[in-house]
Amino acid sequence: MADPPDLLLVNQTVGPLFADVVAAAARRGPVTLMAAGTLPPSLPPLRLRRGPAYRRTSVPLRLLTWAGFSLWLAWRLWHDGRRRRSAAGPLLVVSNPPLAPLLAPLARRPYSLLLYDLYPQVLAGLGPGPRLALAPLIALWQRLNRRVVGGAERVITLSAPMAEALRPCFGSEAAWARTVRVVPPWGAPLPPPPPGAVAAFRQRLAADGALLLIYAGNLGFSHPLEPLLEALPLLPAPGARLLLVGQGGRRPQLQRRLGRRGLLRQVVFLETLPPEGLAVALAAADLAVVALAEGLAAASLPSKTFTALAAGCPLLAIAPPASPLVALVEHHGCGLTAPPGPEAARPLAAALAALAADPDQRRRLAQGARRAALDHTPARAEDLIDQWLS
C-alpha cells in the first residue's frame, strides 16, 4: 500500500504556537513544512523545505524578506504543482508573510488558510495618509482575496469579528458558514523561572516600588504605544517602568523621541529575550502591554496576549473598544484597557496610579489572567487541525 501523501504546511516563521500546530498535524500523518529561520527544537520529525528568513530590524528589511519568501514560495508551489503526477495531501498556508495566502492556488491541490492577520485590513493601522497612497494596492488585494479566500476548502481565523470580516469573500451566507472557522490562539508555555530570578529582575528594574510594565514583541506601526508613553510622566512617584523588548521599524524613532523628552529612565529598551528570559520578565511584571491601532479591531489578535496570560501576567490592552482583545480582558477581568487615541493618556494614568496603590486589585487581575489562560491552552492546536482536515 502506498504511503499517504504529506500534509503540507507553510509559515515563514515558526514560533512555539505554530510548533504546536505542526506537532498536532504530525499526529495525523507525514508532514512537509515550508518555513525559514530558526525552528523550535520541539518540532517532530518532518520534511523541511527552507526558504528565505524573516528579518524585522527595519521596515525595508522586513518588506524585503517578506518579498523574498513570497517569491521563493510562489516558485516552489508552482513548480511542485506542475511536476506532481499523483494525489497530493492538503495544504495549509498561514498569513505570514501577508502575500502567502494569495499564492496557495499555485499548488494545484486542495488548500486551506490560517489567517492570523487579515490583509489588506491590517493596512488600516498605517493611518489615512498611507492608506490613501496604497488605495490601488488595497483594492487589488481585496479582489484577489475574494477569489482565493472564497476558493479555500477551509479558512481558520482567530476571533468572531475576524470571521465576520471575511463574509464579502464568499458568494453566499451558506458558503461562508461552511468554510470559515474560529479557533482562538493559546499561550506558549514558558519554562519556570529559576528560584530568585524574578525577585532579582524586579529589584534591578523597579526597586523603588514602581509598577513594572512590559511590551514584548514587534515595535511596529500598528502597535500604538502613545497613550502609555504620554501617561508615564503623569504618574505620581514612584511611577512606572516600561520595558520595550524586541525590534521593529519604530524602535529607533521611539528611542529618539523618548530621549528628547527625558523618559529613558522610565522606558528601558531590551533586546529580544529567549524563552527563559521572557518567563522571568513576565513573572516580574505587573502588566503586559498589548497594543492595536484603530481600525484593527477585526483584523488581528496578537499571540503575545496569550503568552502573557499563560505566565499569569495581567494585560494592559491599548485597543479599540470593539476589539476581541478588549472583550477578552473585560470578560475574564484580567487587566486594564485603554483606547489607542491620544485622549486616553490621562484616564490611563489615573488607572495605573490606582493600580499601583491597590495590591488587592493587582492580585485579582493576576487571578483573572490565570483563569483566562485555562481557556486558551495548547489543546486548541488539536482543534485547529481537526477543523482543517474535517
Protein backbone atom coordinates (compact mmCIF):
# COMPACT_ATOMS: atom_id res chain seq x y z
CA MET A 1 0.00 0.00 0.00
CA ALA A 2 1.32 3.45 -0.92
CA ASP A 3 2.23 5.84 1.84
CA PRO A 4 -0.31 8.62 2.48
CA PRO A 5 0.55 11.98 0.91
CA ASP A 6 2.19 14.56 3.13
CA LEU A 7 0.28 17.29 4.89
CA LEU A 8 1.90 20.48 3.57
CA LEU A 9 2.14 23.48 5.93
CA VAL A 10 3.51 26.93 5.04
CA ASN A 11 4.62 29.61 7.53
CA GLN A 12 7.70 31.80 7.18
CA THR A 13 8.33 31.93 10.94
CA VAL A 14 7.67 29.00 13.26
CA GLY A 15 7.19 30.10 16.84
CA PRO A 16 6.02 28.00 19.79
CA LEU A 17 2.32 28.24 18.88
CA PHE A 18 2.80 27.11 15.30
CA ALA A 19 5.14 24.38 16.55
CA ASP A 20 2.09 23.06 18.46
CA VAL A 21 0.12 23.11 15.18
CA VAL A 22 2.87 21.21 13.35
CA ALA A 23 3.05 18.64 16.16
CA ALA A 24 -0.72 18.14 16.05
CA ALA A 25 -0.58 17.69 12.26
CA ALA A 26 2.25 15.15 12.58
CA ARG A 27 -0.03 13.02 14.74
CA ARG A 28 -2.35 12.69 11.72
CA GLY A 29 0.22 11.86 9.08
CA PRO A 30 3.59 12.74 7.49
CA VAL A 31 4.28 16.47 7.34
CA THR A 32 6.21 18.69 4.92
CA LEU A 33 6.92 22.18 6.26
CA MET A 34 7.87 25.19 4.15
CA ALA A 35 9.43 27.67 6.57
CA ALA A 36 12.52 29.72 7.35
CA GLY A 37 14.70 30.88 10.18
CA THR A 38 15.49 29.08 13.41
CA LEU A 39 13.00 26.33 14.12
CA PRO A 40 11.94 25.25 17.64
CA PRO A 41 13.73 22.08 18.80
CA SER A 42 10.34 20.66 19.82
CA LEU A 43 9.27 20.07 16.22
CA PRO A 44 8.52 16.44 15.37
CA PRO A 45 10.36 14.64 12.55
CA LEU A 46 9.25 16.12 9.23
CA ARG A 47 10.38 17.06 5.75
CA LEU A 48 11.63 20.66 5.77
CA ARG A 49 11.90 22.99 2.80
CA ARG A 50 13.72 26.08 4.00
CA GLY A 51 13.06 29.46 2.41
CA PRO A 52 14.46 32.97 3.00
CA ALA A 53 14.38 34.02 6.66
CA TYR A 54 12.31 36.88 8.07
CA ARG A 55 14.12 39.95 9.42
CA ARG A 56 12.26 42.65 11.38
CA THR A 57 15.01 45.05 12.46
CA SER A 58 13.79 47.72 10.00
CA VAL A 59 10.77 48.28 7.79
CA PRO A 60 12.72 47.96 4.48
CA LEU A 61 14.37 44.73 5.65
CA ARG A 62 11.05 43.38 6.84
CA LEU A 63 9.42 44.06 3.47
CA LEU A 64 12.42 42.68 1.59
CA THR A 65 12.43 39.40 3.49
CA TRP A 66 8.66 39.07 3.15
CA ALA A 67 9.06 39.55 -0.60
CA GLY A 68 11.95 37.08 -0.78
CA PHE A 69 9.98 34.33 0.93
CA SER A 70 6.90 35.08 -1.18
CA LEU A 71 8.86 34.74 -4.43
CA TRP A 72 10.51 31.53 -3.21
CA LEU A 73 7.12 30.13 -2.14
CA ALA A 74 5.48 31.03 -5.45
CA TRP A 75 8.21 29.16 -7.33
CA ARG A 76 8.07 26.11 -5.05
CA LEU A 77 4.28 25.77 -5.15
CA TRP A 78 4.08 26.33 -8.93
CA HIS A 79 6.99 24.01 -9.67
CA ASP A 80 5.70 21.22 -7.42
CA GLY A 81 2.18 21.63 -8.75
CA ARG A 82 3.37 21.18 -12.35
CA ARG A 83 5.50 18.13 -11.58
CA ARG A 84 3.05 16.24 -9.38
CA ARG A 85 1.61 13.17 -11.06
CA SER A 86 -0.26 11.64 -8.11
CA ALA A 87 -2.74 12.76 -5.48
CA ALA A 88 -1.39 15.39 -3.12
CA GLY A 89 -2.22 15.93 0.50
CA PRO A 90 -3.97 19.03 1.78
CA LEU A 91 -2.17 22.36 2.07
CA LEU A 92 -2.42 24.84 4.96
CA VAL A 93 -1.00 28.33 4.30
CA VAL A 94 -0.54 30.84 7.13
CA SER A 95 -0.82 34.60 6.56
CA ASN A 96 2.91 35.01 7.17
CA PRO A 97 4.17 36.59 5.01
CA PRO A 98 0.99 38.50 4.15
CA LEU A 99 1.08 37.54 0.45
CA ALA A 100 1.38 33.80 1.16
CA PRO A 101 -2.38 33.04 1.14
CA LEU A 102 -2.71 34.56 -2.35
CA LEU A 103 -0.17 32.03 -3.62
CA ALA A 104 -2.00 28.92 -2.39
CA PRO A 105 -3.81 28.17 -5.71
CA LEU A 106 -0.41 27.75 -7.44
CA ALA A 107 -0.04 24.39 -5.64
CA ARG A 108 -2.84 22.78 -7.70
CA ARG A 109 -4.06 20.91 -4.66
CA PRO A 110 -6.82 21.45 -2.07
CA TYR A 111 -5.80 24.35 0.14
CA SER A 112 -6.88 25.92 3.41
CA LEU A 113 -5.83 29.20 5.02
CA LEU A 114 -4.88 30.04 8.60
CA LEU A 115 -5.32 33.81 8.90
CA TYR A 116 -3.53 35.21 11.94
CA ASP A 117 -3.99 38.71 10.50
CA LEU A 118 -6.42 39.91 7.86
CA TYR A 119 -4.82 41.67 4.91
CA PRO A 120 -5.29 44.24 3.46
CA GLN A 121 -7.37 45.29 6.51
CA VAL A 122 -4.23 45.46 8.66
CA LEU A 123 -3.00 48.32 6.46
CA ALA A 124 -5.68 50.44 8.14
CA GLY A 125 -3.29 50.69 11.07
CA LEU A 126 -0.90 52.77 8.98
CA GLY A 127 -3.11 55.86 9.12
CA PRO A 128 -5.11 57.81 6.50
CA GLY A 129 -2.11 59.08 4.50
CA PRO A 130 -0.53 55.68 3.76
CA ARG A 131 -3.99 54.18 3.22
CA LEU A 132 -4.69 56.75 0.52
CA ALA A 133 -1.32 56.13 -1.13
CA LEU A 134 -1.89 52.37 -1.05
CA ALA A 135 -5.52 52.54 -2.21
CA PRO A 136 -4.89 50.85 -5.62
CA LEU A 137 -2.93 48.03 -3.95
CA ILE A 138 -5.65 47.58 -1.31
CA ALA A 139 -8.37 47.41 -3.97
CA LEU A 140 -6.43 44.80 -5.98
CA TRP A 141 -5.70 42.78 -2.83
CA GLN A 142 -9.39 42.76 -1.91
CA ARG A 143 -10.34 41.47 -5.36
CA LEU A 144 -7.74 38.72 -5.17
CA ASN A 145 -8.92 37.81 -1.66
CA ARG A 146 -12.45 37.25 -2.91
CA ARG A 147 -11.13 34.69 -5.36
CA VAL A 148 -8.50 32.99 -3.18
CA VAL A 149 -10.27 33.05 0.19
CA GLY A 150 -13.55 32.11 -1.46
CA GLY A 151 -11.85 29.14 -3.16
CA ALA A 152 -10.38 27.66 0.02
CA GLU A 153 -11.66 24.40 1.46
CA ARG A 154 -11.36 25.83 4.97
CA VAL A 155 -10.47 29.25 6.36
CA ILE A 156 -9.45 29.37 10.02
CA THR A 157 -9.10 32.63 11.89
CA LEU A 158 -8.77 33.81 15.48
CA SER A 159 -11.99 35.58 16.52
CA ALA A 160 -15.65 36.04 15.61
CA PRO A 161 -15.12 39.63 14.36
CA MET A 162 -12.28 38.42 12.11
CA ALA A 163 -14.59 35.71 10.75
CA GLU A 164 -17.32 38.31 10.13
CA ALA A 165 -14.86 40.46 8.19
CA LEU A 166 -14.39 37.57 5.73
CA ARG A 167 -18.06 37.44 4.65
CA PRO A 168 -17.52 39.59 1.49
CA CYS A 169 -15.12 36.94 0.14
CA PHE A 170 -17.94 34.43 -0.28
CA GLY A 171 -20.79 34.31 -2.76
CA SER A 172 -23.37 33.26 -0.21
CA GLU A 173 -24.03 33.05 3.51
CA ALA A 174 -24.04 29.26 3.25
CA ALA A 175 -20.56 29.20 1.65
CA TRP A 176 -19.17 31.47 4.38
CA ALA A 177 -20.71 29.36 7.17
CA ARG A 178 -19.47 26.14 5.56
CA THR A 179 -15.90 27.36 5.10
CA VAL A 180 -14.91 29.73 7.93
CA ARG A 181 -13.99 28.50 11.41
CA VAL A 182 -12.79 30.33 14.54
CA VAL A 183 -10.02 28.80 16.64
CA PRO A 184 -8.65 31.31 19.20
CA PRO A 185 -4.92 31.29 19.94
CA TRP A 186 -3.35 29.89 23.06
CA GLY A 187 -0.43 30.65 25.33
CA ALA A 188 3.04 29.40 24.55
CA PRO A 189 4.26 27.58 27.66
CA LEU A 190 7.41 29.15 29.07
CA PRO A 191 9.98 27.44 31.29
CA PRO A 192 9.51 28.08 35.02
CA PRO A 193 11.76 30.91 36.26
CA PRO A 194 14.75 29.81 38.38
CA PRO A 195 14.45 30.46 42.13
CA GLY A 196 15.22 34.06 42.98
CA ALA A 197 15.35 35.19 39.33
CA VAL A 198 12.01 37.04 39.41
CA ALA A 199 12.85 38.96 42.59
CA ALA A 200 16.29 39.86 41.22
CA PHE A 201 14.79 41.07 37.93
CA ARG A 202 12.28 43.26 39.71
CA GLN A 203 14.92 44.56 42.13
CA ARG A 204 17.07 45.61 39.18
CA LEU A 205 14.31 47.46 37.33
CA ALA A 206 11.73 48.53 39.91
CA ALA A 207 13.49 48.57 43.26
CA ASP A 208 11.69 51.78 44.25
CA GLY A 209 8.28 50.11 44.14
CA ALA A 210 7.30 51.42 40.70
CA LEU A 211 4.81 49.50 38.60
CA LEU A 212 6.61 47.28 36.10
CA LEU A 213 5.09 47.08 32.61
CA ILE A 214 6.44 45.05 29.71
CA TYR A 215 5.83 45.19 25.97
CA ALA A 216 7.48 42.20 24.29
CA GLY A 217 7.20 41.89 20.54
CA ASN A 218 7.45 43.76 17.28
CA LEU A 219 7.70 47.54 17.73
CA GLY A 220 5.73 48.21 14.57
CA PHE A 221 3.49 50.98 13.31
CA SER A 222 0.27 49.07 14.01
CA HIS A 223 1.05 48.87 17.75
CA PRO A 224 0.27 52.32 19.19
CA LEU A 225 2.07 52.86 22.49
CA GLU A 226 1.46 56.62 22.55
CA PRO A 227 -1.27 56.66 25.24
CA LEU A 228 1.03 54.82 27.61
CA LEU A 229 4.09 56.91 26.76
CA GLU A 230 2.04 60.08 27.38
CA ALA A 231 0.67 58.66 30.64
CA LEU A 232 4.02 57.76 32.23
CA PRO A 233 5.08 61.35 33.10
CA LEU A 234 1.65 61.95 34.69
CA LEU A 235 2.02 59.20 37.30
CA PRO A 236 2.82 60.17 40.88
CA ALA A 237 6.07 58.82 42.36
CA PRO A 238 7.34 56.17 42.24
CA GLY A 239 5.56 55.93 38.86
CA ALA A 240 6.13 53.06 36.45
CA ARG A 241 8.88 51.46 34.40
CA LEU A 242 8.09 50.29 30.89
CA LEU A 243 10.24 47.61 29.30
CA LEU A 244 10.18 47.60 25.49
CA VAL A 245 11.53 44.20 24.47
CA GLY A 246 12.32 43.40 20.84
CA GLN A 247 12.96 45.01 17.48
CA GLY A 248 10.82 46.65 14.84
CA GLY A 249 10.54 49.60 12.49
CA ARG A 250 9.55 52.07 15.24
CA ARG A 251 12.28 51.25 17.74
CA PRO A 252 14.84 53.89 16.57
CA GLN A 253 12.09 56.52 16.36
CA LEU A 254 10.86 55.73 19.86
CA GLN A 255 14.38 55.84 21.29
CA ARG A 256 14.98 59.30 19.81
CA ARG A 257 11.61 60.60 20.92
CA LEU A 258 11.92 59.33 24.48
CA GLY A 259 15.50 60.59 24.72
CA ARG A 260 14.39 64.11 23.76
CA ARG A 261 11.68 64.01 26.43
CA GLY A 262 14.00 62.66 29.13
CA LEU A 263 11.97 59.46 29.59
CA LEU A 264 14.73 56.90 29.10
CA ARG A 265 14.86 56.29 32.87
CA GLN A 266 11.19 55.30 32.79
CA VAL A 267 11.37 53.38 29.50
CA VAL A 268 14.01 50.67 29.16
CA PHE A 269 14.81 49.06 25.79
CA LEU A 270 15.88 45.42 25.82
CA GLU A 271 16.81 43.06 23.01
CA THR A 272 14.55 40.11 22.24
CA LEU A 273 14.57 37.74 25.20
CA PRO A 274 14.94 33.95 24.97
CA PRO A 275 12.03 31.94 26.42
CA GLU A 276 13.66 31.59 29.83
CA GLY A 277 14.31 35.34 29.98
CA LEU A 278 10.78 36.19 28.85
CA ALA A 279 9.39 33.87 31.54
CA VAL A 280 11.28 35.82 34.22
CA ALA A 281 10.22 39.21 32.82
CA LEU A 282 6.53 38.30 32.61
CA ALA A 283 6.53 36.79 36.09
CA ALA A 284 8.07 40.01 37.45
CA ALA A 285 5.79 42.43 35.56
CA ASP A 286 2.54 43.91 36.85
CA LEU A 287 1.08 44.28 33.36
CA ALA A 288 1.94 43.04 29.86
CA VAL A 289 1.13 45.65 27.22
CA VAL A 290 -0.67 44.63 24.02
CA ALA A 291 -1.49 47.42 21.54
CA LEU A 292 -3.64 47.53 18.38
CA ALA A 293 -4.19 50.56 16.18
CA GLU A 294 -7.63 51.98 15.44
CA GLY A 295 -9.12 50.09 12.50
CA LEU A 296 -7.58 46.75 13.50
CA ALA A 297 -10.41 45.65 15.81
CA ALA A 298 -11.47 42.92 13.41
CA ALA A 299 -8.14 42.25 11.72
CA SER A 300 -5.78 40.95 14.41
CA LEU A 301 -5.50 39.29 17.82
CA PRO A 302 -1.82 39.30 18.88
CA SER A 303 -0.47 35.98 20.12
CA LYS A 304 1.64 37.78 22.76
CA THR A 305 -1.68 38.25 24.59
CA PHE A 306 -1.90 34.57 25.38
CA THR A 307 1.77 34.08 26.17
CA ALA A 308 1.40 36.73 28.91
CA LEU A 309 -1.78 35.13 30.25
CA ALA A 310 -0.12 31.70 30.32
CA ALA A 311 2.56 33.25 32.54
CA GLY A 312 -0.12 34.65 34.86
CA CYS A 313 0.62 38.26 33.84
CA PRO A 314 -2.39 40.61 33.50
CA LEU A 315 -2.76 42.79 30.43
CA LEU A 316 -2.86 46.44 29.54
CA ALA A 317 -4.83 46.33 26.29
CA ILE A 318 -4.47 49.53 24.24
CA ALA A 319 -7.01 48.74 21.55
CA PRO A 320 -10.34 49.84 20.02
CA PRO A 321 -13.23 49.21 22.43
CA ALA A 322 -14.95 46.88 19.93
CA SER A 323 -11.89 44.65 19.50
CA PRO A 324 -11.75 40.98 20.56
CA LEU A 325 -8.71 41.92 22.65
CA VAL A 326 -10.72 44.33 24.85
CA ALA A 327 -13.61 41.85 25.01
CA LEU A 328 -11.21 39.17 26.27
CA VAL A 329 -9.81 41.41 29.02
CA GLU A 330 -13.24 42.52 30.16
CA HIS A 331 -14.73 39.02 30.07
CA HIS A 332 -12.01 37.49 32.25
CA GLY A 333 -11.22 40.56 34.37
CA CYS A 334 -7.56 40.05 33.52
CA GLY A 335 -6.28 43.59 33.03
CA LEU A 336 -6.86 47.22 32.13
CA THR A 337 -7.99 48.66 28.80
CA ALA A 338 -7.46 51.99 27.02
CA PRO A 339 -8.36 53.22 23.52
CA PRO A 340 -5.45 53.96 21.15
CA GLY A 341 -6.18 57.70 20.75
CA PRO A 342 -4.15 60.48 22.44
CA GLU A 343 -7.09 61.43 24.69
CA ALA A 344 -6.57 58.17 26.61
CA ALA A 345 -3.36 59.31 28.36
CA ARG A 346 -4.92 61.00 31.41
CA PRO A 347 -7.55 58.30 32.17
CA LEU A 348 -4.86 55.67 31.69
CA ALA A 349 -2.51 57.47 34.09
CA ALA A 350 -5.31 57.57 36.69
CA ALA A 351 -6.00 53.83 36.23
CA LEU A 352 -2.31 52.97 36.58
CA ALA A 353 -1.95 55.14 39.69
CA ALA A 354 -4.96 53.40 41.25
CA LEU A 355 -3.49 50.01 40.40
CA ALA A 356 -0.14 50.96 41.94
CA ALA A 357 -1.89 51.87 45.20
CA ASP A 358 -4.06 48.74 45.35
CA PRO A 359 -2.22 45.40 45.80
CA ASP A 360 -5.57 43.59 46.09
CA GLN A 361 -6.52 44.74 42.59
CA ARG A 362 -3.19 43.55 41.25
CA ARG A 363 -3.84 40.12 42.78
CA ARG A 364 -7.37 39.99 41.32
CA LEU A 365 -6.08 40.83 37.84
CA ALA A 366 -3.39 38.15 38.12
CA GLN A 367 -6.06 35.61 39.11
CA GLY A 368 -8.11 36.69 36.10
CA ALA A 369 -5.07 36.14 33.87
CA ARG A 370 -4.68 32.60 35.16
CA ARG A 371 -8.39 31.89 34.61
CA ALA A 372 -8.18 33.22 31.05
CA ALA A 373 -5.15 31.03 30.38
CA LEU A 374 -7.20 27.93 31.25
CA ASP A 375 -9.48 28.74 28.29
CA HIS A 376 -6.54 29.06 25.88
CA THR A 377 -4.30 26.01 26.16
CA PRO A 378 -2.23 24.14 23.54
CA ALA A 379 -5.15 21.70 23.20
CA ARG A 380 -6.54 24.24 20.74
CA ALA A 381 -3.85 23.14 18.27
CA GLU A 382 -5.67 19.80 18.03
CA ASP A 383 -8.94 21.67 17.41
CA LEU A 384 -7.27 23.65 14.64
CA ILE A 385 -6.05 20.53 12.85
CA ASP A 386 -9.49 18.92 13.29
CA GLN A 387 -11.08 21.93 11.61
CA TRP A 388 -8.53 21.89 8.79
CA LEU A 389 -8.87 18.21 7.97
CA SER A 390 -12.60 17.78 8.65
